[in-house]
C-alpha cells in the first residue's frame, strides 16, 4: 500500500470526523426514536402477540386443525391449512415506526396456479405502545376472514344476453 494514501485514509475514518454537529444530533435523535419503536414492538410481541397466538395454537391443537407457526427475523407467521384453502397471518415490524398485520387468505383453484388471494393489511403506529387487545382483534379478524371465505355463495344462473333473470 502507498504510505501517503494509507495515512490519508486512516485520518479519514476517525469516527464522524467530517460530520457537522447538527447532523450528528439529528442522527442520534433518530436512533433514539428507533430504539423506542423497537422496544414498543418487542413489548407488544412478548406481552400481546405471543400469548394470543399461543392460545390460538392450543385451541387448534385440540380441534386437530392443521397449522404452522414460524418466525423469521422480526416476523411471526401463522398459516392455517383447511380442506381447499389456507390462510396466513404475518405480523412484522415492516417499517421503522410501524407494526403490520398482513392477512392472506388463499383459495386453491382446480389446477395448480389457479389460486386466488385476498389480502388485508393493517398497520399500527409504534410511536406509542400498542394495547394488547390489538393482537387479539387482529387474530379474530384473520380467523373470521377464514370462516367467511369457507362459505361460497350459490352459483348464479347463466342468462343469455338480452334476457331477464327469472323472478
C-alpha atoms as a PDB file:
ATOM      1  CA  UNK A   1       0.000   0.000   0.000  1.00  0.00           C
ATOM      2  CA  UNK A   2       1.084   3.555  -0.684  1.00  0.00           C
ATOM      3  CA  UNK A   3       2.182   5.098   2.631  1.00  0.00           C
ATOM      4  CA  UNK A   4       0.749   8.560   1.891  1.00  0.00           C
ATOM      5  CA  UNK A   5      -2.600   7.050   0.845  1.00  0.00           C
ATOM      6  CA  UNK A   6      -2.692   4.868   3.974  1.00  0.00           C
ATOM      7  CA  UNK A   7      -2.082   7.863   6.266  1.00  0.00           C
ATOM      8  CA  UNK A   8      -4.727   9.909   4.454  1.00  0.00           C
ATOM      9  CA  UNK A   9      -7.243   7.025   4.576  1.00  0.00           C
ATOM     10  CA  UNK A  10      -6.661   6.326   8.293  1.00  0.00           C
ATOM     11  CA  UNK A  11      -7.125  10.003   9.122  1.00  0.00           C
ATOM     12  CA  UNK A  12     -10.491   9.980   7.285  1.00  0.00           C
ATOM     13  CA  UNK A  13     -12.005   7.027   9.108  1.00  0.00           C
ATOM     14  CA  UNK A  14     -11.871   8.565  12.572  1.00  0.00           C
ATOM     15  CA  UNK A  15     -15.433   8.445  13.869  1.00  0.00           C
ATOM     16  CA  UNK A  16     -17.575  11.267  12.479  1.00  0.00           C
ATOM     17  CA  UNK A  17     -14.514  13.331  11.511  1.00  0.00           C
ATOM     18  CA  UNK A  18     -16.248  15.489   8.896  1.00  0.00           C
ATOM     19  CA  UNK A  19     -19.861  15.301  10.115  1.00  0.00           C
ATOM     20  CA  UNK A  20     -21.466  18.567  11.146  1.00  0.00           C
ATOM     21  CA  UNK A  21     -22.637  18.619  14.807  1.00  0.00           C
ATOM     22  CA  UNK A  22     -26.287  19.294  13.860  1.00  0.00           C
ATOM     23  CA  UNK A  23     -26.297  16.201  11.633  1.00  0.00           C
ATOM     24  CA  UNK A  24     -24.878  14.138  14.455  1.00  0.00           C
ATOM     25  CA  UNK A  25     -27.601  15.402  16.809  1.00  0.00           C
ATOM     26  CA  UNK A  26     -30.313  14.537  14.274  1.00  0.00           C
ATOM     27  CA  UNK A  27     -28.833  11.062  13.742  1.00  0.00           C
ATOM     28  CA  UNK A  28     -28.617  10.404  17.471  1.00  0.00           C
ATOM     29  CA  UNK A  29     -32.212  11.579  17.932  1.00  0.00           C
ATOM     30  CA  UNK A  30     -33.404   9.328  15.089  1.00  0.00           C
ATOM     31  CA  UNK A  31     -31.568   6.357  16.591  1.00  0.00           C
ATOM     32  CA  UNK A  32     -33.102   7.086  19.973  1.00  0.00           C
ATOM     33  CA  UNK A  33     -36.595   7.142  18.442  1.00  0.00           C
ATOM     34  CA  UNK A  34     -35.864   3.921  16.566  1.00  0.00           C
ATOM     35  CA  UNK A  35     -34.829   2.253  19.816  1.00  0.00           C
ATOM     36  CA  UNK A  36     -38.127   3.391  21.346  1.00  0.00           C
ATOM     37  CA  UNK A  37     -40.130   1.954  18.395  1.00  0.00           C
ATOM     38  CA  UNK A  38     -38.195  -1.324  18.662  1.00  0.00           C
ATOM     39  CA  UNK A  39     -38.917  -1.506  22.393  1.00  0.00           C
ATOM     40  CA  UNK A  40     -42.636  -0.898  21.760  1.00  0.00           C
ATOM     41  CA  UNK A  41     -42.618  -3.676  19.152  1.00  0.00           C
ATOM     42  CA  UNK A  42     -40.779  -6.122  21.440  1.00  0.00           C
ATOM     43  CA  UNK A  43     -43.148  -5.359  24.328  1.00  0.00           C
ATOM     44  CA  UNK A  44     -46.162  -5.789  22.043  1.00  0.00           C
ATOM     45  CA  UNK A  45     -44.842  -9.126  20.753  1.00  0.00           C
ATOM     46  CA  UNK A  46     -43.953 -10.507  24.168  1.00  0.00           C
ATOM     47  CA  UNK A  47     -46.993  -9.268  26.098  1.00  0.00           C
ATOM     48  CA  UNK A  48     -49.723  -9.424  23.449  1.00  0.00           C
ATOM     49  CA  UNK A  49     -48.930 -11.312  20.247  1.00  0.00           C
ATOM     50  CA  UNK A  50     -47.152 -14.378  21.640  1.00  0.00           C
ATOM     51  CA  UNK A  51     -49.788 -15.091  24.337  1.00  0.00           C
ATOM     52  CA  UNK A  52     -52.648 -14.607  21.836  1.00  0.00           C
ATOM     53  CA  UNK A  53     -51.001 -16.862  19.248  1.00  0.00           C
ATOM     54  CA  UNK A  54     -50.227 -19.448  21.936  1.00  0.00           C
ATOM     55  CA  UNK A  55     -53.894 -19.530  22.991  1.00  0.00           C
ATOM     56  CA  UNK A  56     -54.961 -19.923  19.367  1.00  0.00           C
ATOM     57  CA  UNK A  57     -52.422 -22.719  18.761  1.00  0.00           C
ATOM     58  CA  UNK A  58     -53.689 -24.600  21.809  1.00  0.00           C
ATOM     59  CA  UNK A  59     -57.263 -24.301  20.530  1.00  0.00           C
ATOM     60  CA  UNK A  60     -56.233 -25.506  17.062  1.00  0.00           C
ATOM     61  CA  UNK A  61     -54.303 -28.436  18.508  1.00  0.00           C
ATOM     62  CA  UNK A  62     -57.381 -29.530  20.468  1.00  0.00           C
ATOM     63  CA  UNK A  63     -59.548 -29.206  17.340  1.00  0.00           C
ATOM     64  CA  UNK A  64     -56.874 -31.001  15.249  1.00  0.00           C
ATOM     65  CA  UNK A  65     -56.675 -28.164  12.711  1.00  0.00           C
ATOM     66  CA  UNK A  66     -53.535 -28.266  10.568  1.00  0.00           C
ATOM     67  CA  UNK A  67     -51.471 -25.137  11.149  1.00  0.00           C
ATOM     68  CA  UNK A  68     -47.894 -23.917  11.337  1.00  0.00           C
ATOM     69  CA  UNK A  69     -46.327 -21.091  13.297  1.00  0.00           C
ATOM     70  CA  UNK A  70     -42.871 -19.852  12.387  1.00  0.00           C
ATOM     71  CA  UNK A  71     -40.630 -16.871  12.959  1.00  0.00           C
ATOM     72  CA  UNK A  72     -38.042 -15.306  10.731  1.00  0.00           C
ATOM     73  CA  UNK A  73     -36.219 -12.116  11.604  1.00  0.00           C
ATOM     74  CA  UNK A  74     -38.747  -9.715  13.075  1.00  0.00           C
ATOM     75  CA  UNK A  75     -41.686 -11.577  11.543  1.00  0.00           C
ATOM     76  CA  UNK A  76     -44.126 -14.077  13.035  1.00  0.00           C
ATOM     77  CA  UNK A  77     -46.123 -16.166  10.592  1.00  0.00           C
ATOM     78  CA  UNK A  78     -49.157 -18.321  11.264  1.00  0.00           C
ATOM     79  CA  UNK A  79     -50.522 -20.492   8.468  1.00  0.00           C
ATOM     80  CA  UNK A  80     -53.793 -22.410   8.789  1.00  0.00           C
ATOM     81  CA  UNK A  81     -54.496 -25.200   6.287  1.00  0.00           C
ATOM     82  CA  UNK A  82     -58.110 -26.100   5.581  1.00  0.00           C
ATOM     83  CA  UNK A  83     -59.640 -28.550   3.098  1.00  0.00           C
ATOM     84  CA  UNK A  84     -59.109 -26.489  -0.044  1.00  0.00           C
ATOM     85  CA  UNK A  85     -57.768 -23.198   1.155  1.00  0.00           C
ATOM     86  CA  UNK A  86     -55.248 -21.800   3.532  1.00  0.00           C
ATOM     87  CA  UNK A  87     -54.740 -18.522   5.305  1.00  0.00           C
ATOM     88  CA  UNK A  88     -51.644 -16.850   6.602  1.00  0.00           C
ATOM     89  CA  UNK A  89     -51.278 -14.130   9.180  1.00  0.00           C
ATOM     90  CA  UNK A  90     -47.971 -12.239   9.151  1.00  0.00           C
ATOM     91  CA  UNK A  91     -47.043  -9.949  11.998  1.00  0.00           C
ATOM     92  CA  UNK A  92     -43.947  -7.853  11.416  1.00  0.00           C
ATOM     93  CA  UNK A  93     -42.283  -4.528  12.022  1.00  0.00           C
ATOM     94  CA  UNK A  94     -42.414  -3.641   8.363  1.00  0.00           C
ATOM     95  CA  UNK A  95     -41.447  -0.006   8.649  1.00  0.00           C
ATOM     96  CA  UNK A  96     -39.181   1.523  11.238  1.00  0.00           C
ATOM     97  CA  UNK A  97     -42.106   3.097  13.090  1.00  0.00           C
ATOM     98  CA  UNK A  98     -44.988   0.699  12.400  1.00  0.00           C
ATOM     99  CA  UNK A  99     -46.178  -2.824  13.089  1.00  0.00           C
ATOM    100  CA  UNK A 100     -48.014  -4.528  10.227  1.00  0.00           C
ATOM    101  CA  UNK A 101     -50.571  -7.286  10.317  1.00  0.00           C
ATOM    102  CA  UNK A 102     -50.795  -8.783   6.822  1.00  0.00           C
ATOM    103  CA  UNK A 103     -53.626 -11.263   6.290  1.00  0.00           C
ATOM    104  CA  UNK A 104     -53.544 -13.533   3.233  1.00  0.00           C
ATOM    105  CA  UNK A 105     -56.447 -15.882   2.519  1.00  0.00           C
ATOM    106  CA  UNK A 106     -55.730 -18.188  -0.429  1.00  0.00           C
ATOM    107  CA  UNK A 107     -58.303 -20.336  -2.205  1.00  0.00           C
ATOM    108  CA  UNK A 108     -56.763 -23.112  -4.241  1.00  0.00           C
ATOM    109  CA  UNK A 109     -58.093 -23.466  -7.758  1.00  0.00           C
ATOM    110  CA  UNK A 110     -58.870 -26.569  -9.773  1.00  0.00           C
ATOM    111  CA  UNK A 111     -55.404 -26.537 -11.319  1.00  0.00           C
ATOM    112  CA  UNK A 112     -52.070 -25.643  -9.838  1.00  0.00           C
ATOM    113  CA  UNK A 113     -51.537 -21.903 -10.129  1.00  0.00           C
ATOM    114  CA  UNK A 114     -55.254 -21.044 -10.179  1.00  0.00           C
ATOM    115  CA  UNK A 115     -55.083 -19.722  -6.642  1.00  0.00           C
ATOM    116  CA  UNK A 116     -56.993 -16.602  -5.680  1.00  0.00           C
ATOM    117  CA  UNK A 117     -55.742 -14.412  -2.879  1.00  0.00           C
ATOM    118  CA  UNK A 118     -57.491 -11.942  -0.633  1.00  0.00           C
ATOM    119  CA  UNK A 119     -55.099  -9.663   1.188  1.00  0.00           C
ATOM    120  CA  UNK A 120     -55.859  -7.410   4.113  1.00  0.00           C
ATOM    121  CA  UNK A 121     -53.157  -5.274   5.671  1.00  0.00           C
ATOM    122  CA  UNK A 122     -53.460  -3.266   8.851  1.00  0.00           C
ATOM    123  CA  UNK A 123     -50.672  -1.019  10.093  1.00  0.00           C
ATOM    124  CA  UNK A 124     -50.338   0.441  13.565  1.00  0.00           C
ATOM    125  CA  UNK A 125     -48.012   3.204  14.680  1.00  0.00           C
ATOM    126  CA  UNK A 126     -45.343   2.274  17.214  1.00  0.00           C
ATOM    127  CA  UNK A 127     -44.718   5.847  18.347  1.00  0.00           C
ATOM    128  CA  UNK A 128     -46.815   4.900  21.365  1.00  0.00           C
ATOM    129  CA  UNK A 129     -47.160   1.483  22.953  1.00  0.00           C
ATOM    130  CA  UNK A 130     -49.956  -0.646  21.473  1.00  0.00           C
ATOM    131  CA  UNK A 131     -52.609  -2.135  23.742  1.00  0.00           C
ATOM    132  CA  UNK A 132     -52.562  -5.924  23.952  1.00  0.00           C
ATOM    133  CA  UNK A 133     -56.130  -6.128  22.669  1.00  0.00           C
ATOM    134  CA  UNK A 134     -54.856  -5.161  19.195  1.00  0.00           C
ATOM    135  CA  UNK A 135     -53.232  -8.581  18.797  1.00  0.00           C
ATOM    136  CA  UNK A 136     -56.423 -10.375  19.831  1.00  0.00           C
ATOM    137  CA  UNK A 137     -58.555  -8.245  17.498  1.00  0.00           C
ATOM    138  CA  UNK A 138     -56.245  -8.897  14.544  1.00  0.00           C
ATOM    139  CA  UNK A 139     -56.246 -12.643  15.180  1.00  0.00           C
ATOM    140  CA  UNK A 140     -60.059 -12.607  15.445  1.00  0.00           C
ATOM    141  CA  UNK A 141     -60.241 -10.646  12.188  1.00  0.00           C
ATOM    142  CA  UNK A 142     -57.972 -13.179  10.472  1.00  0.00           C
ATOM    143  CA  UNK A 143     -59.948 -16.155  11.772  1.00  0.00           C
ATOM    144  CA  UNK A 144     -63.287 -14.565  10.822  1.00  0.00           C
ATOM    145  CA  UNK A 145     -61.992 -13.918   7.280  1.00  0.00           C
ATOM    146  CA  UNK A 146     -61.063 -17.602   7.030  1.00  0.00           C
ATOM    147  CA  UNK A 147     -64.541 -18.641   8.164  1.00  0.00           C
ATOM    148  CA  UNK A 148     -66.279 -16.183   5.851  1.00  0.00           C
ATOM    149  CA  UNK A 149     -64.241 -17.448   2.911  1.00  0.00           C
ATOM    150  CA  UNK A 150     -65.288 -21.038   3.638  1.00  0.00           C
ATOM    151  CA  UNK A 151     -68.834 -20.236   2.557  1.00  0.00           C
ATOM    152  CA  UNK A 152     -69.320 -19.796  -1.153  1.00  0.00           C
ATOM    153  CA  UNK A 153     -72.444 -18.109  -2.476  1.00  0.00           C
ATOM    154  CA  UNK A 154     -74.665 -20.202  -4.764  1.00  0.00           C
ATOM    155  CA  UNK A 155     -73.746 -20.092  -8.427  1.00  0.00           C
ATOM    156  CA  UNK A 156     -75.708 -17.578 -10.418  1.00  0.00           C
ATOM    157  CA  UNK A 157     -77.548 -18.984 -13.444  1.00  0.00           C
ATOM    158  CA  UNK A 158     -76.222 -18.078 -16.858  1.00  0.00           C
ATOM    159  CA  UNK A 159     -78.551 -15.681 -18.606  1.00  0.00           C
ATOM    160  CA  UNK A 160     -78.285 -15.177 -22.367  1.00  0.00           C
ATOM    161  CA  UNK A 161     -77.783 -11.581 -23.492  1.00  0.00           C
ATOM    162  CA  UNK A 162     -80.998  -9.614 -23.696  1.00  0.00           C
ATOM    163  CA  UNK A 163     -82.999 -11.931 -21.410  1.00  0.00           C
ATOM    164  CA  UNK A 164     -84.098 -11.116 -17.903  1.00  0.00           C
ATOM    165  CA  UNK A 165     -83.485 -13.362 -14.908  1.00  0.00           C
ATOM    166  CA  UNK A 166     -86.453 -15.456 -13.752  1.00  0.00           C
ATOM    167  CA  UNK A 167     -88.365 -13.932 -10.894  1.00  0.00           C
END
